[in-house]
Amino acid sequence: MEQTEFFNVAEVQLSYKPHFKAQERPQINSAKQAYQLLLDNWDKSLINYLEQAKMILLNRNNRVLGIVNLSTGGGASTVMDTRVVFAIALKSTATSIILAHNHPSGNVRPSSEDIRVTKKLKEAAKLLDIELHDHLIITENGYFSMAEEAYI
């Protein structure tokens, strides 16, 4: 009988390499602090041109584990893939996350799609015992916090 190659598959490797001790990481306690951190780490040459999505990963004390670039789209939309968002959150052992995307138009009001995606991600987070603290819509001149405006 021929031996089949059942084990000829891709290797899956998990790694997370923090560069700072927990107490040295910034702590996020408000949407304003999250906005400032995101703005400081946003490519300013793209903020008014292409829509991008990012995520702040947090530990139990709301200390920043990292900021992740989730996607870059066109001038009017980008993607927040649920599986990608939570694969990253789980890999980093984040207990909570803050999502964000920019609106190149300068309008910070959420679209119906922004609201729908936020609700979907909130439900997925709940199943994984990860808290979705906020979803910010940002521009270089301001932000909209879905948590502060009771969308979350």
C-alpha atoms as a PDB file:
ATOM      1  CA  MET A   1       0.000   0.000   0.000  1.00  0.00           C
ATOM      2  CA  GLU A   2       1.362   3.422  -0.939  1.00  0.00           C
ATOM      3  CA  GLN A   3       1.979   5.927   1.792  1.00  0.00           C
ATOM      4  CA  THR A   4       0.013   9.112   1.169  1.00  0.00           C
ATOM      5  CA  GLU A   5       1.475  12.465   2.128  1.00  0.00           C
ATOM      6  CA  PHE A   6      -1.015  13.588   4.741  1.00  0.00           C
ATOM      7  CA  PHE A   7       1.596  15.625   6.554  1.00  0.00           C
ATOM      8  CA  ASN A   8       2.807  17.641   3.609  1.00  0.00           C
ATOM      9  CA  VAL A   9       1.118  20.825   4.811  1.00  0.00           C
ATOM     10  CA  ALA A  10       2.143  24.363   5.673  1.00  0.00           C
ATOM     11  CA  GLU A  11       3.654  25.018   9.073  1.00  0.00           C
ATOM     12  CA  VAL A  12       1.706  27.405  11.284  1.00  0.00           C
ATOM     13  CA  GLN A  13       3.854  29.461  13.593  1.00  0.00           C
ATOM     14  CA  LEU A  14       2.668  31.851  16.271  1.00  0.00           C
ATOM     15  CA  SER A  15       4.894  34.553  17.641  1.00  0.00           C
ATOM     16  CA  TYR A  16       4.515  37.838  19.458  1.00  0.00           C
ATOM     17  CA  LYS A  17       7.646  39.753  20.406  1.00  0.00           C
ATOM     18  CA  PRO A  18       6.991  42.770  22.613  1.00  0.00           C
ATOM     19  CA  HIS A  19       9.816  45.288  22.656  1.00  0.00           C
ATOM     20  CA  PHE A  20       8.867  47.098  25.867  1.00  0.00           C
ATOM     21  CA  LYS A  21       7.928  46.142  29.401  1.00  0.00           C
ATOM     22  CA  ALA A  22       4.219  46.527  30.157  1.00  0.00           C
ATOM     23  CA  GLN A  23       4.702  49.542  32.444  1.00  0.00           C
ATOM     24  CA  GLU A  24       6.626  51.381  29.681  1.00  0.00           C
ATOM     25  CA  ARG A  25       3.775  51.136  27.170  1.00  0.00           C
ATOM     26  CA  PRO A  26       1.269  53.967  26.730  1.00  0.00           C
ATOM     27  CA  GLN A  27      -2.028  53.539  28.532  1.00  0.00           C
ATOM     28  CA  ILE A  28      -5.272  54.435  26.744  1.00  0.00           C
ATOM     29  CA  ASN A  29      -8.142  55.633  28.921  1.00  0.00           C
ATOM     30  CA  SER A  30     -10.117  57.796  26.491  1.00  0.00           C
ATOM     31  CA  ALA A  31     -11.072  58.152  22.850  1.00  0.00           C
ATOM     32  CA  LYS A  32      -9.019  61.351  22.724  1.00  0.00           C
ATOM     33  CA  GLN A  33      -5.874  59.479  23.818  1.00  0.00           C
ATOM     34  CA  ALA A  34      -6.542  56.726  21.259  1.00  0.00           C
ATOM     35  CA  TYR A  35      -7.073  59.346  18.531  1.00  0.00           C
ATOM     36  CA  GLN A  36      -3.794  61.079  19.342  1.00  0.00           C
ATOM     37  CA  LEU A  37      -1.859  57.795  19.360  1.00  0.00           C
ATOM     38  CA  LEU A  38      -3.399  56.789  16.028  1.00  0.00           C
ATOM     39  CA  LEU A  39      -2.791  60.187  14.458  1.00  0.00           C
ATOM     40  CA  ASP A  40       0.861  60.074  15.576  1.00  0.00           C
ATOM     41  CA  ASN A  41       1.181  56.692  13.829  1.00  0.00           C
ATOM     42  CA  TRP A  42      -0.836  57.428  10.672  1.00  0.00           C
ATOM     43  CA  ASP A  43       0.817  58.046   7.322  1.00  0.00           C
ATOM     44  CA  LYS A  44      -0.105  61.743   6.923  1.00  0.00           C
ATOM     45  CA  SER A  45       0.477  61.564   3.164  1.00  0.00           C
ATOM     46  CA  LEU A  46      -2.447  59.102   2.884  1.00  0.00           C
ATOM     47  CA  ILE A  47      -4.952  60.299   5.500  1.00  0.00           C
ATOM     48  CA  ASN A  48      -6.743  62.607   3.034  1.00  0.00           C
ATOM     49  CA  TYR A  49      -6.267  60.314   0.065  1.00  0.00           C
ATOM     50  CA  LEU A  50      -6.941  56.631   0.877  1.00  0.00           C
ATOM     51  CA  GLU A  51      -9.158  55.028   3.486  1.00  0.00           C
ATOM     52  CA  GLN A  52      -7.189  52.826   5.886  1.00  0.00           C
ATOM     53  CA  ALA A  53      -8.121  50.679   8.894  1.00  0.00           C
ATOM     54  CA  LYS A  54      -5.982  50.179  11.992  1.00  0.00           C
ATOM     55  CA  MET A  55      -6.349  48.476  15.351  1.00  0.00           C
ATOM     56  CA  ILE A  56      -4.868  49.223  18.762  1.00  0.00           C
ATOM     57  CA  LEU A  57      -4.248  46.072  20.801  1.00  0.00           C
ATOM     58  CA  LEU A  58      -4.541  46.467  24.577  1.00  0.00           C
ATOM     59  CA  ASN A  59      -3.788  44.378  27.657  1.00  0.00           C
ATOM     60  CA  ARG A  60      -5.943  44.186  30.813  1.00  0.00           C
ATOM     61  CA  ASN A  61      -4.605  47.520  32.072  1.00  0.00           C
ATOM     62  CA  ASN A  62      -5.315  49.248  28.738  1.00  0.00           C
ATOM     63  CA  ARG A  63      -1.603  49.333  27.975  1.00  0.00           C
ATOM     64  CA  VAL A  64      -0.846  49.328  24.260  1.00  0.00           C
ATOM     65  CA  LEU A  65       0.512  46.036  22.975  1.00  0.00           C
ATOM     66  CA  GLY A  66       0.761  47.396  19.442  1.00  0.00           C
ATOM     67  CA  ILE A  67      -0.893  49.149  16.525  1.00  0.00           C
ATOM     68  CA  VAL A  68      -1.765  47.060  13.483  1.00  0.00           C
ATOM     69  CA  ASN A  69      -2.410  48.209   9.927  1.00  0.00           C
ATOM     70  CA  LEU A  70      -5.452  46.150   8.949  1.00  0.00           C
ATOM     71  CA  SER A  71      -6.083  47.367   5.410  1.00  0.00           C
ATOM     72  CA  THR A  72      -5.739  50.083   2.816  1.00  0.00           C
ATOM     73  CA  GLY A  73      -8.589  50.663   0.423  1.00  0.00           C
ATOM     74  CA  GLY A  74      -9.592  53.302  -2.043  1.00  0.00           C
ATOM     75  CA  GLY A  75     -10.862  56.810  -1.562  1.00  0.00           C
ATOM     76  CA  ALA A  76     -14.244  55.707  -0.231  1.00  0.00           C
ATOM     77  CA  SER A  77     -13.837  52.374   1.585  1.00  0.00           C
ATOM     78  CA  THR A  78     -11.570  49.817   3.170  1.00  0.00           C
ATOM     79  CA  VAL A  79     -12.070  46.378   4.719  1.00  0.00           C
ATOM     80  CA  MET A  80     -12.103  45.194   8.320  1.00  0.00           C
ATOM     81  CA  ASP A  81     -12.021  41.422   7.894  1.00  0.00           C
ATOM     82  CA  THR A  82     -13.387  39.845  11.069  1.00  0.00           C
ATOM     83  CA  ARG A  83     -11.120  36.798  10.836  1.00  0.00           C
ATOM     84  CA  VAL A  84      -8.004  38.938  10.370  1.00  0.00           C
ATOM     85  CA  VAL A  85      -8.944  41.315  13.202  1.00  0.00           C
ATOM     86  CA  PHE A  86      -9.403  38.514  15.720  1.00  0.00           C
ATOM     87  CA  ALA A  87      -6.547  36.323  14.510  1.00  0.00           C
ATOM     88  CA  ILE A  88      -4.259  39.255  15.284  1.00  0.00           C
ATOM     89  CA  ALA A  89      -5.946  40.047  18.612  1.00  0.00           C
ATOM     90  CA  LEU A  90      -5.744  36.432  19.754  1.00  0.00           C
ATOM     91  CA  LYS A  91      -2.142  36.042  18.605  1.00  0.00           C
ATOM     92  CA  SER A  92      -1.073  39.071  20.638  1.00  0.00           C
ATOM     93  CA  THR A  93      -3.154  37.942  23.657  1.00  0.00           C
ATOM     94  CA  ALA A  94      -4.992  41.272  23.619  1.00  0.00           C
ATOM     95  CA  THR A  95      -7.905  41.459  26.041  1.00  0.00           C
ATOM     96  CA  SER A  96      -9.367  44.507  24.331  1.00  0.00           C
ATOM     97  CA  ILE A  97      -9.081  46.393  21.064  1.00  0.00           C
ATOM     98  CA  ILE A  98      -9.806  49.782  19.574  1.00  0.00           C
ATOM     99  CA  LEU A  99     -10.615  49.871  15.878  1.00  0.00           C
ATOM    100  CA  ALA A 100     -10.146  52.903  13.682  1.00  0.00           C
ATOM    101  CA  HIS A 101     -10.405  54.004  10.113  1.00  0.00           C
ATOM    102  CA  ASN A 102     -10.107  57.337   8.392  1.00  0.00           C
ATOM    103  CA  HIS A 103     -12.502  59.186   6.124  1.00  0.00           C
ATOM    104  CA  PRO A 104     -10.463  61.016   3.451  1.00  0.00           C
ATOM    105  CA  SER A 105     -13.494  63.262   2.828  1.00  0.00           C
ATOM    106  CA  GLY A 106     -12.953  64.895   6.229  1.00  0.00           C
ATOM    107  CA  ASN A 107     -16.470  63.906   7.370  1.00  0.00           C
ATOM    108  CA  VAL A 108     -16.252  61.992  10.640  1.00  0.00           C
ATOM    109  CA  ARG A 109     -19.890  60.837  10.736  1.00  0.00           C
ATOM    110  CA  PRO A 110     -20.250  57.038  10.455  1.00  0.00           C
ATOM    111  CA  SER A 111     -21.892  55.558   7.385  1.00  0.00           C
ATOM    112  CA  SER A 112     -24.524  52.841   7.702  1.00  0.00           C
ATOM    113  CA  GLU A 113     -21.794  50.363   6.662  1.00  0.00           C
ATOM    114  CA  ASP A 114     -19.485  51.653   9.440  1.00  0.00           C
ATOM    115  CA  ILE A 115     -22.254  51.039  11.968  1.00  0.00           C
ATOM    116  CA  ARG A 116     -23.054  47.573  10.576  1.00  0.00           C
ATOM    117  CA  VAL A 117     -19.395  46.457  10.627  1.00  0.00           C
ATOM    118  CA  THR A 118     -18.938  47.787  14.161  1.00  0.00           C
ATOM    119  CA  LYS A 119     -21.929  45.800  15.441  1.00  0.00           C
ATOM    120  CA  LYS A 120     -20.658  42.657  13.689  1.00  0.00           C
ATOM    121  CA  LEU A 121     -17.179  43.049  15.196  1.00  0.00           C
ATOM    122  CA  LYS A 122     -18.655  43.781  18.645  1.00  0.00           C
ATOM    123  CA  GLU A 123     -20.601  40.490  18.544  1.00  0.00           C
ATOM    124  CA  ALA A 124     -17.542  38.535  17.388  1.00  0.00           C
ATOM    125  CA  ALA A 125     -15.429  40.105  20.142  1.00  0.00           C
ATOM    126  CA  LYS A 126     -17.988  39.085  22.754  1.00  0.00           C
ATOM    127  CA  LEU A 127     -17.740  35.429  21.675  1.00  0.00           C
ATOM    128  CA  LEU A 128     -13.960  35.534  22.110  1.00  0.00           C
ATOM    129  CA  ASP A 129     -13.958  37.380  25.454  1.00  0.00           C
ATOM    130  CA  ILE A 130     -12.240  40.352  23.849  1.00  0.00           C
ATOM    131  CA  GLU A 131     -13.671  43.782  24.559  1.00  0.00           C
ATOM    132  CA  LEU A 132     -14.178  46.207  21.687  1.00  0.00           C
ATOM    133  CA  HIS A 133     -13.579  49.499  23.519  1.00  0.00           C
ATOM    134  CA  ASP A 134     -14.216  51.771  20.575  1.00  0.00           C
ATOM    135  CA  HIS A 135     -14.282  52.275  16.838  1.00  0.00           C
ATOM    136  CA  LEU A 136     -12.932  55.656  15.860  1.00  0.00           C
ATOM    137  CA  ILE A 137     -13.441  57.418  12.566  1.00  0.00           C
ATOM    138  CA  ILE A 138     -10.595  59.847  12.180  1.00  0.00           C
ATOM    139  CA  THR A 139      -9.453  62.738  10.046  1.00  0.00           C
ATOM    140  CA  GLU A 140      -6.408  64.913  10.549  1.00  0.00           C
ATOM    141  CA  ASN A 141      -8.683  67.487  12.221  1.00  0.00           C
ATOM    142  CA  GLY A 142     -10.816  65.357  14.520  1.00  0.00           C
ATOM    143  CA  TYR A 143     -12.534  62.078  15.272  1.00  0.00           C
ATOM    144  CA  PHE A 144     -15.848  60.389  15.953  1.00  0.00           C
ATOM    145  CA  SER A 145     -15.982  57.842  18.780  1.00  0.00           C
ATOM    146  CA  MET A 146     -18.651  55.186  18.393  1.00  0.00           C
ATOM    147  CA  ALA A 147     -18.348  54.412  22.112  1.00  0.00           C
ATOM    148  CA  GLU A 148     -18.815  58.045  23.182  1.00  0.00           C
ATOM    149  CA  GLU A 149     -21.806  58.374  20.850  1.00  0.00           C
ATOM    150  CA  ALA A 150     -23.400  55.132  22.195  1.00  0.00           C
ATOM    151  CA  TYR A 151     -23.065  53.050  19.014  1.00  0.00           C
ATOM    152  CA  ILE A 152     -21.114  50.457  21.021  1.00  0.00           C
END
